[in-house]
Each structure stands twice: as C-alpha cells, then as structure tokens.
Amino acid sequence: MRLILIRHAKSSWSDPFANDHARVLNKRGRASARAIGAWLADNDYVPAIIHCSDAARTQETAELIMPYFDTRPKLRLSRRLYHAAPDTITDLVRKEKHDVVAVIGHNPGIGMLANRIVTEPPSHPRFHDYPTCATTIVDMATPDAKDGTCVDFIVPRDLIGFDREG
C-alpha cells in the first residue's frame, strides 16, 4: 500500500473567536494546496481515495489538490479525522482496499503517524515538526506496519516562496 499523508494547508486566524472546525484557508494556504496538488500529479502520486477530516480547512485543501489529477479520487469525509490520533487514522486506512490512499488531517496526529510508520525518516529539516501542507509518501506492506519506506517528503516552501505576511 502507498499512503500519502497530508497536513491541511495554512488556515486563517483573521477571526480569533471563530469556531476552529469552520476555519478556512488563507491566501498562502490556498497557494500551498495548489502547489502540493501539482507536485503530487507531476510525480504520479495519485490516490484512488482521499480520507479527509470534515473540518473546513481540510476539505478546502482536498478540493484544491484534486483538480490536478487526471482521475479524480473518491473523497471520503470523516468527523473521526478531526484532530485524530495516529491510531484513529490507522484504523480508517486499515479498511481500505485501494493501493494508493491519501489522508488529509491535522497535527499532531498526522505528523506523529508519519514519524511512527517510517523506518528511516527523510533528511528534510521539517519532517519532525510537520508544518502545514507537509506531505509524505510512504510505501508499506500493511497500514499497521511500522516499517514503511519514505518514498518522498515535501513542504510547500520547497515548491513556492512565501513572504513573511503569507
């Protein structure tokens, strides 16, 4: 199984009293999601299905990534993925029959899972803190394995520059 782990893109904090679940992406986040979508497509990292938290920012990340794929993946929204722990994410993926599965979620769970399942982390300096829209491609025998091979890892800043205002 190939597992693609994506943290949602940068969200807006323009209203500090807004409901966390309803926060949407900011301009930088939208650019990041598009850059990751193009990168995934260019490298033929195309999932058959995307499991996505039902939060607004994760859904928006998915919707901005998917147009880059020739074949649109199935999108499955799940409340269980909203701030999910690594074991919750693994439980969802374990039931999948597809060879390539993506998960779009939140930290700390998505980053913790990426760190847990690879035998050797990439040398990228941002892998362990897993910033917004960080994306890891992992090949593994089963979703329960902790012996995954990290095929690739990228963050949006590697693809596009951002000003400090973002």
N, C-alpha and C. Protein backbone atom coordinates (compact mmCIF):
# COMPACT_ATOMS: atom_id res chain seq x y z
N MET A 1 0.84 -1.18 0.00
CA MET A 1 0.00 0.00 0.00
C MET A 1 0.88 1.24 0.00
N ARG A 2 0.48 2.21 -0.78
CA ARG A 2 1.12 3.52 -0.74
C ARG A 2 0.19 4.45 0.04
N LEU A 3 0.74 5.10 1.05
CA LEU A 3 -0.02 6.01 1.89
C LEU A 3 0.54 7.41 1.71
N ILE A 4 -0.35 8.36 1.42
CA ILE A 4 0.02 9.76 1.26
C ILE A 4 -0.57 10.51 2.45
N LEU A 5 0.29 11.07 3.28
CA LEU A 5 -0.16 11.79 4.48
C LEU A 5 0.04 13.28 4.28
N ILE A 6 -1.07 14.02 4.33
CA ILE A 6 -1.04 15.46 4.07
C ILE A 6 -1.64 16.20 5.26
N ARG A 7 -0.89 17.12 5.80
CA ARG A 7 -1.46 18.02 6.80
C ARG A 7 -2.18 19.13 6.04
N HIS A 8 -3.32 19.57 6.54
CA HIS A 8 -4.06 20.64 5.86
C HIS A 8 -3.17 21.85 5.64
N ALA A 9 -3.52 22.66 4.66
CA ALA A 9 -2.79 23.88 4.35
C ALA A 9 -3.06 24.95 5.42
N LYS A 10 -2.31 26.02 5.34
CA LYS A 10 -2.38 27.11 6.33
C LYS A 10 -3.77 27.74 6.36
N SER A 11 -4.32 27.81 7.56
CA SER A 11 -5.67 28.36 7.70
C SER A 11 -5.64 29.78 8.23
N SER A 12 -6.76 30.42 8.11
CA SER A 12 -6.90 31.81 8.51
C SER A 12 -7.20 31.93 10.00
N TRP A 13 -6.57 32.89 10.61
CA TRP A 13 -6.85 33.24 12.01
C TRP A 13 -7.38 34.67 12.07
N SER A 14 -8.00 35.13 10.96
CA SER A 14 -8.49 36.52 10.92
C SER A 14 -9.55 36.79 11.98
N ASP A 15 -10.28 35.77 12.37
CA ASP A 15 -11.26 35.91 13.45
C ASP A 15 -10.86 34.96 14.58
N PRO A 16 -10.19 35.49 15.61
CA PRO A 16 -9.70 34.62 16.68
C PRO A 16 -10.82 33.94 17.48
N PHE A 17 -12.06 34.38 17.31
CA PHE A 17 -13.18 33.79 18.04
C PHE A 17 -13.98 32.82 17.18
N ALA A 18 -13.54 32.61 15.94
CA ALA A 18 -14.26 31.71 15.04
C ALA A 18 -14.15 30.27 15.53
N ASN A 19 -15.13 29.49 15.19
CA ASN A 19 -15.14 28.06 15.51
C ASN A 19 -13.97 27.39 14.79
N ASP A 20 -13.14 26.65 15.51
CA ASP A 20 -11.96 26.02 14.93
C ASP A 20 -12.33 25.10 13.76
N HIS A 21 -13.38 24.36 13.89
CA HIS A 21 -13.81 23.42 12.86
C HIS A 21 -14.18 24.13 11.55
N ALA A 22 -14.59 25.38 11.65
CA ALA A 22 -15.06 26.14 10.49
C ALA A 22 -13.98 27.01 9.85
N ARG A 23 -12.77 27.04 10.41
CA ARG A 23 -11.72 27.89 9.84
C ARG A 23 -11.39 27.46 8.41
N VAL A 24 -11.23 28.44 7.52
CA VAL A 24 -10.90 28.20 6.12
C VAL A 24 -9.44 28.54 5.87
N LEU A 25 -8.96 28.24 4.69
CA LEU A 25 -7.57 28.53 4.33
C LEU A 25 -7.36 30.02 4.07
N ASN A 26 -6.14 30.47 4.33
CA ASN A 26 -5.79 31.83 3.95
C ASN A 26 -5.17 31.79 2.55
N LYS A 27 -4.74 32.94 2.06
CA LYS A 27 -4.19 33.03 0.71
C LYS A 27 -2.97 32.11 0.55
N ARG A 28 -2.09 32.13 1.52
CA ARG A 28 -0.90 31.28 1.50
C ARG A 28 -1.29 29.80 1.50
N GLY A 29 -2.29 29.43 2.28
CA GLY A 29 -2.76 28.05 2.33
C GLY A 29 -3.32 27.58 1.00
N ARG A 30 -4.08 28.45 0.35
CA ARG A 30 -4.63 28.07 -0.97
C ARG A 30 -3.51 27.85 -1.99
N ALA A 31 -2.51 28.73 -1.97
CA ALA A 31 -1.36 28.56 -2.87
C ALA A 31 -0.60 27.27 -2.55
N SER A 32 -0.45 26.98 -1.27
CA SER A 32 0.25 25.76 -0.85
C SER A 32 -0.47 24.50 -1.31
N ALA A 33 -1.78 24.47 -1.13
CA ALA A 33 -2.55 23.29 -1.53
C ALA A 33 -2.45 23.06 -3.03
N ARG A 34 -2.52 24.14 -3.81
CA ARG A 34 -2.38 24.00 -5.27
C ARG A 34 -0.98 23.49 -5.63
N ALA A 35 0.04 24.00 -4.96
CA ALA A 35 1.41 23.56 -5.24
C ALA A 35 1.59 22.08 -4.92
N ILE A 36 1.01 21.64 -3.80
CA ILE A 36 1.10 20.22 -3.43
C ILE A 36 0.33 19.37 -4.44
N GLY A 37 -0.84 19.82 -4.86
CA GLY A 37 -1.61 19.09 -5.87
C GLY A 37 -0.81 18.91 -7.16
N ALA A 38 -0.17 19.98 -7.62
CA ALA A 38 0.64 19.90 -8.84
C ALA A 38 1.82 18.96 -8.64
N TRP A 39 2.47 19.06 -7.48
CA TRP A 39 3.62 18.20 -7.18
C TRP A 39 3.21 16.72 -7.15
N LEU A 40 2.10 16.43 -6.49
CA LEU A 40 1.61 15.05 -6.44
C LEU A 40 1.36 14.51 -7.85
N ALA A 41 0.66 15.30 -8.66
CA ALA A 41 0.34 14.88 -10.03
C ALA A 41 1.61 14.72 -10.87
N ASP A 42 2.52 15.68 -10.76
CA ASP A 42 3.77 15.63 -11.55
C ASP A 42 4.61 14.40 -11.21
N ASN A 43 4.50 13.93 -9.97
CA ASN A 43 5.28 12.77 -9.53
C ASN A 43 4.49 11.47 -9.55
N ASP A 44 3.30 11.53 -10.12
CA ASP A 44 2.41 10.37 -10.23
C ASP A 44 2.08 9.76 -8.88
N TYR A 45 1.91 10.61 -7.87
CA TYR A 45 1.44 10.20 -6.54
C TYR A 45 -0.05 10.48 -6.48
N VAL A 46 -0.82 9.66 -7.17
CA VAL A 46 -2.25 9.91 -7.30
C VAL A 46 -3.04 8.88 -6.51
N PRO A 47 -3.75 9.32 -5.49
CA PRO A 47 -4.54 8.38 -4.69
C PRO A 47 -5.83 7.97 -5.39
N ALA A 48 -6.29 6.78 -5.08
CA ALA A 48 -7.61 6.34 -5.54
C ALA A 48 -8.69 6.94 -4.65
N ILE A 49 -8.34 7.17 -3.39
CA ILE A 49 -9.29 7.71 -2.42
C ILE A 49 -8.54 8.65 -1.47
N ILE A 50 -9.25 9.68 -1.04
CA ILE A 50 -8.73 10.61 -0.04
C ILE A 50 -9.66 10.57 1.16
N HIS A 51 -9.11 10.17 2.29
CA HIS A 51 -9.84 10.27 3.56
C HIS A 51 -9.49 11.64 4.13
N CYS A 52 -10.51 12.39 4.48
CA CYS A 52 -10.30 13.78 4.85
C CYS A 52 -11.13 14.13 6.07
N SER A 53 -10.51 14.83 7.00
CA SER A 53 -11.25 15.38 8.13
C SER A 53 -12.39 16.24 7.58
N ASP A 54 -13.47 16.33 8.31
CA ASP A 54 -14.60 17.13 7.82
C ASP A 54 -14.48 18.61 8.20
N ALA A 55 -13.36 19.03 8.74
CA ALA A 55 -13.14 20.45 9.03
C ALA A 55 -13.05 21.23 7.72
N ALA A 56 -13.45 22.47 7.76
CA ALA A 56 -13.46 23.31 6.55
C ALA A 56 -12.08 23.40 5.90
N ARG A 57 -11.02 23.56 6.69
CA ARG A 57 -9.68 23.75 6.13
C ARG A 57 -9.13 22.49 5.47
N THR A 58 -9.49 21.32 5.97
CA THR A 58 -9.04 20.08 5.32
C THR A 58 -9.82 19.83 4.04
N GLN A 59 -11.12 20.10 4.07
CA GLN A 59 -11.93 19.93 2.86
C GLN A 59 -11.47 20.87 1.76
N GLU A 60 -11.17 22.11 2.13
CA GLU A 60 -10.69 23.07 1.14
C GLU A 60 -9.33 22.63 0.58
N THR A 61 -8.46 22.11 1.44
CA THR A 61 -7.17 21.59 0.98
C THR A 61 -7.41 20.49 -0.06
N ALA A 62 -8.30 19.55 0.23
CA ALA A 62 -8.59 18.46 -0.71
C ALA A 62 -9.14 19.00 -2.02
N GLU A 63 -10.07 19.93 -1.95
CA GLU A 63 -10.70 20.46 -3.16
C GLU A 63 -9.71 21.22 -4.04
N LEU A 64 -8.67 21.79 -3.45
CA LEU A 64 -7.66 22.50 -4.23
C LEU A 64 -6.60 21.55 -4.80
N ILE A 65 -6.41 20.41 -4.18
CA ILE A 65 -5.44 19.41 -4.65
C ILE A 65 -6.01 18.57 -5.79
N MET A 66 -7.25 18.15 -5.66
CA MET A 66 -7.83 17.16 -6.58
C MET A 66 -7.89 17.56 -8.06
N PRO A 67 -8.08 18.83 -8.42
CA PRO A 67 -8.14 19.16 -9.86
C PRO A 67 -6.86 18.84 -10.64
N TYR A 68 -5.77 18.62 -9.96
CA TYR A 68 -4.51 18.32 -10.63
C TYR A 68 -4.41 16.87 -11.11
N PHE A 69 -5.30 16.04 -10.65
CA PHE A 69 -5.26 14.62 -11.02
C PHE A 69 -6.13 14.37 -12.24
N ASP A 70 -5.63 13.56 -13.17
CA ASP A 70 -6.42 13.21 -14.35
C ASP A 70 -7.68 12.44 -13.95
N THR A 71 -7.53 11.56 -12.99
CA THR A 71 -8.68 10.82 -12.46
C THR A 71 -8.95 11.32 -11.05
N ARG A 72 -10.13 11.86 -10.85
CA ARG A 72 -10.47 12.43 -9.55
C ARG A 72 -10.64 11.31 -8.51
N PRO A 73 -9.88 11.39 -7.42
CA PRO A 73 -10.04 10.38 -6.36
C PRO A 73 -11.40 10.51 -5.68
N LYS A 74 -11.85 9.41 -5.08
CA LYS A 74 -13.03 9.49 -4.22
C LYS A 74 -12.64 10.32 -3.01
N LEU A 75 -13.55 11.12 -2.53
CA LEU A 75 -13.31 11.92 -1.33
C LEU A 75 -14.25 11.43 -0.25
N ARG A 76 -13.68 10.96 0.84
CA ARG A 76 -14.48 10.46 1.96
C ARG A 76 -14.20 11.34 3.18
N LEU A 77 -15.21 12.11 3.58
CA LEU A 77 -15.08 12.99 4.74
C LEU A 77 -15.39 12.21 6.01
N SER A 78 -14.65 12.54 7.07
CA SER A 78 -14.85 11.82 8.33
C SER A 78 -14.64 12.76 9.51
N ARG A 79 -15.63 12.81 10.36
CA ARG A 79 -15.52 13.57 11.61
C ARG A 79 -14.43 12.94 12.50
N ARG A 80 -14.24 11.63 12.36
CA ARG A 80 -13.23 10.92 13.17
C ARG A 80 -11.82 11.45 12.91
N LEU A 81 -11.57 12.03 11.74
CA LEU A 81 -10.25 12.52 11.41
C LEU A 81 -9.97 13.93 11.94
N TYR A 82 -10.98 14.58 12.48
CA TYR A 82 -10.78 15.92 13.04
C TYR A 82 -9.92 15.80 14.29
N HIS A 83 -8.68 16.27 14.21
CA HIS A 83 -7.69 16.17 15.29
C HIS A 83 -7.50 14.73 15.76
N ALA A 84 -7.50 13.79 14.82
CA ALA A 84 -7.38 12.37 15.14
C ALA A 84 -5.98 11.99 15.60
N ALA A 85 -5.94 11.01 16.50
CA ALA A 85 -4.69 10.40 16.93
C ALA A 85 -4.20 9.46 15.83
N PRO A 86 -2.91 9.14 15.83
CA PRO A 86 -2.38 8.23 14.80
C PRO A 86 -3.14 6.90 14.72
N ASP A 87 -3.53 6.32 15.85
CA ASP A 87 -4.25 5.04 15.82
C ASP A 87 -5.61 5.16 15.14
N THR A 88 -6.27 6.28 15.30
CA THR A 88 -7.56 6.50 14.64
C THR A 88 -7.37 6.56 13.13
N ILE A 89 -6.33 7.25 12.69
CA ILE A 89 -6.04 7.34 11.26
C ILE A 89 -5.72 5.95 10.71
N THR A 90 -4.91 5.21 11.42
CA THR A 90 -4.56 3.84 11.01
C THR A 90 -5.79 2.96 10.91
N ASP A 91 -6.70 3.07 11.88
CA ASP A 91 -7.94 2.28 11.84
C ASP A 91 -8.74 2.55 10.58
N LEU A 92 -8.81 3.80 10.16
CA LEU A 92 -9.54 4.15 8.93
C LEU A 92 -8.85 3.57 7.70
N VAL A 93 -7.54 3.72 7.63
CA VAL A 93 -6.78 3.27 6.46
C VAL A 93 -6.76 1.75 6.37
N ARG A 94 -6.73 1.09 7.51
CA ARG A 94 -6.66 -0.38 7.56
C ARG A 94 -7.78 -1.03 6.75
N LYS A 95 -8.93 -0.39 6.67
CA LYS A 95 -10.10 -0.97 5.99
C LYS A 95 -10.06 -0.75 4.47
N GLU A 96 -9.08 -0.02 3.99
CA GLU A 96 -9.02 0.31 2.57
C GLU A 96 -8.53 -0.85 1.71
N LYS A 97 -9.11 -0.96 0.54
CA LYS A 97 -8.70 -1.99 -0.43
C LYS A 97 -7.87 -1.38 -1.56
N HIS A 98 -7.82 -0.05 -1.63
CA HIS A 98 -7.08 0.63 -2.69
C HIS A 98 -5.57 0.54 -2.45
N ASP A 99 -4.81 0.57 -3.54
CA ASP A 99 -3.35 0.51 -3.44
C ASP A 99 -2.73 1.84 -3.03
N VAL A 100 -3.39 2.95 -3.40
CA VAL A 100 -2.87 4.28 -3.07
C VAL A 100 -3.97 5.05 -2.34
N VAL A 101 -3.68 5.40 -1.09
CA VAL A 101 -4.65 6.06 -0.22
C VAL A 101 -4.02 7.33 0.35
N ALA A 102 -4.78 8.41 0.32
CA ALA A 102 -4.31 9.66 0.93
C ALA A 102 -5.17 9.97 2.15
N VAL A 103 -4.56 10.65 3.11
CA VAL A 103 -5.26 11.14 4.29
C VAL A 103 -4.89 12.61 4.45
N ILE A 104 -5.91 13.45 4.58
CA ILE A 104 -5.68 14.86 4.86
C ILE A 104 -6.22 15.12 6.25
N GLY A 105 -5.31 15.49 7.15
CA GLY A 105 -5.69 15.67 8.54
C GLY A 105 -4.96 16.80 9.22
N HIS A 106 -4.87 16.68 10.53
CA HIS A 106 -4.37 17.75 11.39
C HIS A 106 -3.18 17.26 12.21
N ASN A 107 -2.37 18.21 12.63
CA ASN A 107 -1.35 17.90 13.63
C ASN A 107 -1.99 18.00 15.00
N PRO A 108 -1.52 17.26 15.97
CA PRO A 108 -0.28 16.50 15.89
C PRO A 108 -0.42 15.10 15.29
N GLY A 109 -1.63 14.59 15.12
CA GLY A 109 -1.83 13.20 14.71
C GLY A 109 -1.21 12.81 13.39
N ILE A 110 -1.38 13.65 12.36
CA ILE A 110 -0.88 13.28 11.03
C ILE A 110 0.65 13.24 11.02
N GLY A 111 1.28 14.22 11.68
CA GLY A 111 2.74 14.24 11.77
C GLY A 111 3.28 13.11 12.62
N MET A 112 2.59 12.81 13.71
CA MET A 112 3.01 11.71 14.57
C MET A 112 2.95 10.39 13.81
N LEU A 113 1.89 10.20 13.02
CA LEU A 113 1.77 8.96 12.25
C LEU A 113 2.90 8.86 11.23
N ALA A 114 3.18 9.94 10.52
CA ALA A 114 4.27 9.92 9.54
C ALA A 114 5.58 9.52 10.21
N ASN A 115 5.84 10.09 11.36
CA ASN A 115 7.08 9.78 12.08
C ASN A 115 7.09 8.35 12.61
N ARG A 116 5.94 7.83 12.95
CA ARG A 116 5.84 6.49 13.53
C ARG A 116 6.02 5.38 12.51
N ILE A 117 5.53 5.56 11.29
CA ILE A 117 5.45 4.44 10.36
C ILE A 117 6.67 4.27 9.45
N VAL A 118 7.57 5.24 9.42
CA VAL A 118 8.74 5.09 8.55
C VAL A 118 9.92 4.56 9.35
N THR A 119 10.64 3.63 8.73
CA THR A 119 11.81 3.08 9.41
C THR A 119 12.95 4.08 9.41
N GLU A 120 13.04 4.86 8.34
CA GLU A 120 14.08 5.88 8.26
C GLU A 120 13.45 7.17 7.77
N PRO A 121 13.43 8.19 8.62
CA PRO A 121 12.81 9.45 8.21
C PRO A 121 13.65 10.13 7.13
N PRO A 122 13.02 10.97 6.32
CA PRO A 122 13.79 11.71 5.32
C PRO A 122 14.71 12.71 6.03
N SER A 123 15.72 13.16 5.34
CA SER A 123 16.67 14.10 5.94
C SER A 123 16.15 15.53 5.96
N HIS A 124 14.98 15.74 5.45
CA HIS A 124 14.40 17.09 5.40
C HIS A 124 14.28 17.67 6.81
N PRO A 125 14.70 18.92 7.00
CA PRO A 125 14.68 19.50 8.35
C PRO A 125 13.27 19.74 8.93
N ARG A 126 12.24 19.70 8.11
CA ARG A 126 10.89 19.99 8.60
C ARG A 126 10.05 18.73 8.84
N PHE A 127 10.60 17.56 8.59
CA PHE A 127 9.81 16.34 8.73
C PHE A 127 9.27 16.16 10.14
N HIS A 128 10.07 16.37 11.13
CA HIS A 128 9.65 16.07 12.51
C HIS A 128 8.63 17.06 13.07
N ASP A 129 8.60 18.29 12.57
CA ASP A 129 7.58 19.23 13.07
C ASP A 129 6.37 19.31 12.13
N TYR A 130 6.45 18.74 10.95
CA TYR A 130 5.34 18.57 10.02
C TYR A 130 4.48 19.83 9.87
N PRO A 131 5.03 20.84 9.17
CA PRO A 131 4.29 22.10 9.02
C PRO A 131 3.05 21.95 8.13
N THR A 132 2.29 23.01 8.02
CA THR A 132 1.07 22.97 7.23
C THR A 132 1.37 22.55 5.79
N CYS A 133 0.54 21.69 5.29
CA CYS A 133 0.57 21.10 3.95
C CYS A 133 1.79 20.21 3.69
N ALA A 134 2.52 19.87 4.76
CA ALA A 134 3.59 18.88 4.61
C ALA A 134 2.98 17.59 4.07
N THR A 135 3.71 16.93 3.21
CA THR A 135 3.20 15.73 2.55
C THR A 135 4.27 14.65 2.51
N THR A 136 3.90 13.47 2.99
CA THR A 136 4.80 12.32 2.99
C THR A 136 4.19 11.21 2.15
N ILE A 137 5.03 10.58 1.35
CA ILE A 137 4.65 9.42 0.56
C ILE A 137 5.35 8.21 1.19
N VAL A 138 4.56 7.22 1.64
CA VAL A 138 5.11 6.07 2.34
C VAL A 138 4.62 4.78 1.67
N ASP A 139 5.54 3.88 1.38
CA ASP A 139 5.18 2.55 0.91
C ASP A 139 5.29 1.60 2.10
N MET A 140 4.24 0.76 2.28
CA MET A 140 4.23 -0.17 3.41
C MET A 140 3.50 -1.44 3.05
N ALA A 141 3.84 -2.51 3.75
CA ALA A 141 3.19 -3.79 3.50
C ALA A 141 1.73 -3.74 3.93
N THR A 142 1.47 -3.21 5.11
CA THR A 142 0.10 -3.05 5.62
C THR A 142 0.02 -1.74 6.38
N PRO A 143 -1.18 -1.20 6.56
CA PRO A 143 -1.31 0.06 7.31
C PRO A 143 -0.88 -0.05 8.77
N ASP A 144 -0.81 -1.27 9.29
CA ASP A 144 -0.41 -1.46 10.68
C ASP A 144 1.11 -1.51 10.83
N ALA A 145 1.80 -1.65 9.72
CA ALA A 145 3.25 -1.80 9.77
C ALA A 145 3.92 -0.53 10.29
N LYS A 146 5.04 -0.73 10.91
CA LYS A 146 5.86 0.40 11.33
C LYS A 146 7.20 0.32 10.60
N ASP A 147 7.14 -0.31 9.43
CA ASP A 147 8.35 -0.48 8.65
C ASP A 147 8.18 0.13 7.26
N GLY A 148 7.47 1.24 7.21
CA GLY A 148 7.23 1.91 5.93
C GLY A 148 8.50 2.54 5.37
N THR A 149 8.54 2.60 4.06
CA THR A 149 9.65 3.25 3.37
C THR A 149 9.18 4.63 2.94
N CYS A 150 9.90 5.65 3.39
CA CYS A 150 9.57 7.01 2.98
C CYS A 150 10.06 7.20 1.55
N VAL A 151 9.12 7.32 0.64
CA VAL A 151 9.44 7.49 -0.78
C VAL A 151 9.76 8.95 -1.07
N ASP A 152 9.03 9.86 -0.41
CA ASP A 152 9.20 11.29 -0.67
C ASP A 152 8.59 12.09 0.46
N PHE A 153 9.07 13.30 0.62
CA PHE A 153 8.53 14.25 1.59
C PHE A 153 8.77 15.65 1.07
N ILE A 154 7.75 16.49 1.22
CA ILE A 154 7.88 17.87 0.74
C ILE A 154 7.02 18.80 1.58
N VAL A 155 7.43 20.04 1.62
CA VAL A 155 6.61 21.10 2.22
C VAL A 155 6.44 22.17 1.15
N PRO A 156 5.35 22.93 1.22
CA PRO A 156 5.10 23.94 0.18
C PRO A 156 6.24 24.92 -0.04
N ARG A 157 6.94 25.28 1.02
CA ARG A 157 8.05 26.24 0.89
C ARG A 157 9.13 25.71 -0.06
N ASP A 158 9.23 24.39 -0.23
CA ASP A 158 10.19 23.82 -1.18
C ASP A 158 9.75 24.08 -2.62
N LEU A 159 8.47 24.33 -2.81
CA LEU A 159 7.91 24.48 -4.15
C LEU A 159 7.68 25.94 -4.53
N ILE A 160 7.27 26.73 -3.56
CA ILE A 160 6.97 28.15 -3.82
C ILE A 160 7.47 28.98 -2.64
N GLY A 161 7.88 30.18 -2.91
CA GLY A 161 8.32 31.07 -1.83
C GLY A 161 7.14 31.80 -1.22
N PHE A 162 7.31 32.21 0.01
CA PHE A 162 6.26 32.98 0.69
C PHE A 162 6.91 34.20 1.32
N ASP A 163 6.16 35.29 1.30
CA ASP A 163 6.64 36.45 2.06
C ASP A 163 6.26 36.25 3.53
N ARG A 164 6.77 37.07 4.37
CA ARG A 164 6.52 36.92 5.82
C ARG A 164 5.04 37.10 6.16
N GLU A 165 4.32 37.84 5.37
CA GLU A 165 2.90 38.10 5.64
C GLU A 165 2.07 36.85 5.35
N GLY A 166 2.49 36.07 4.34
CA GLY A 166 1.85 34.81 3.98
C GLY A 166 0.42 34.93 3.78
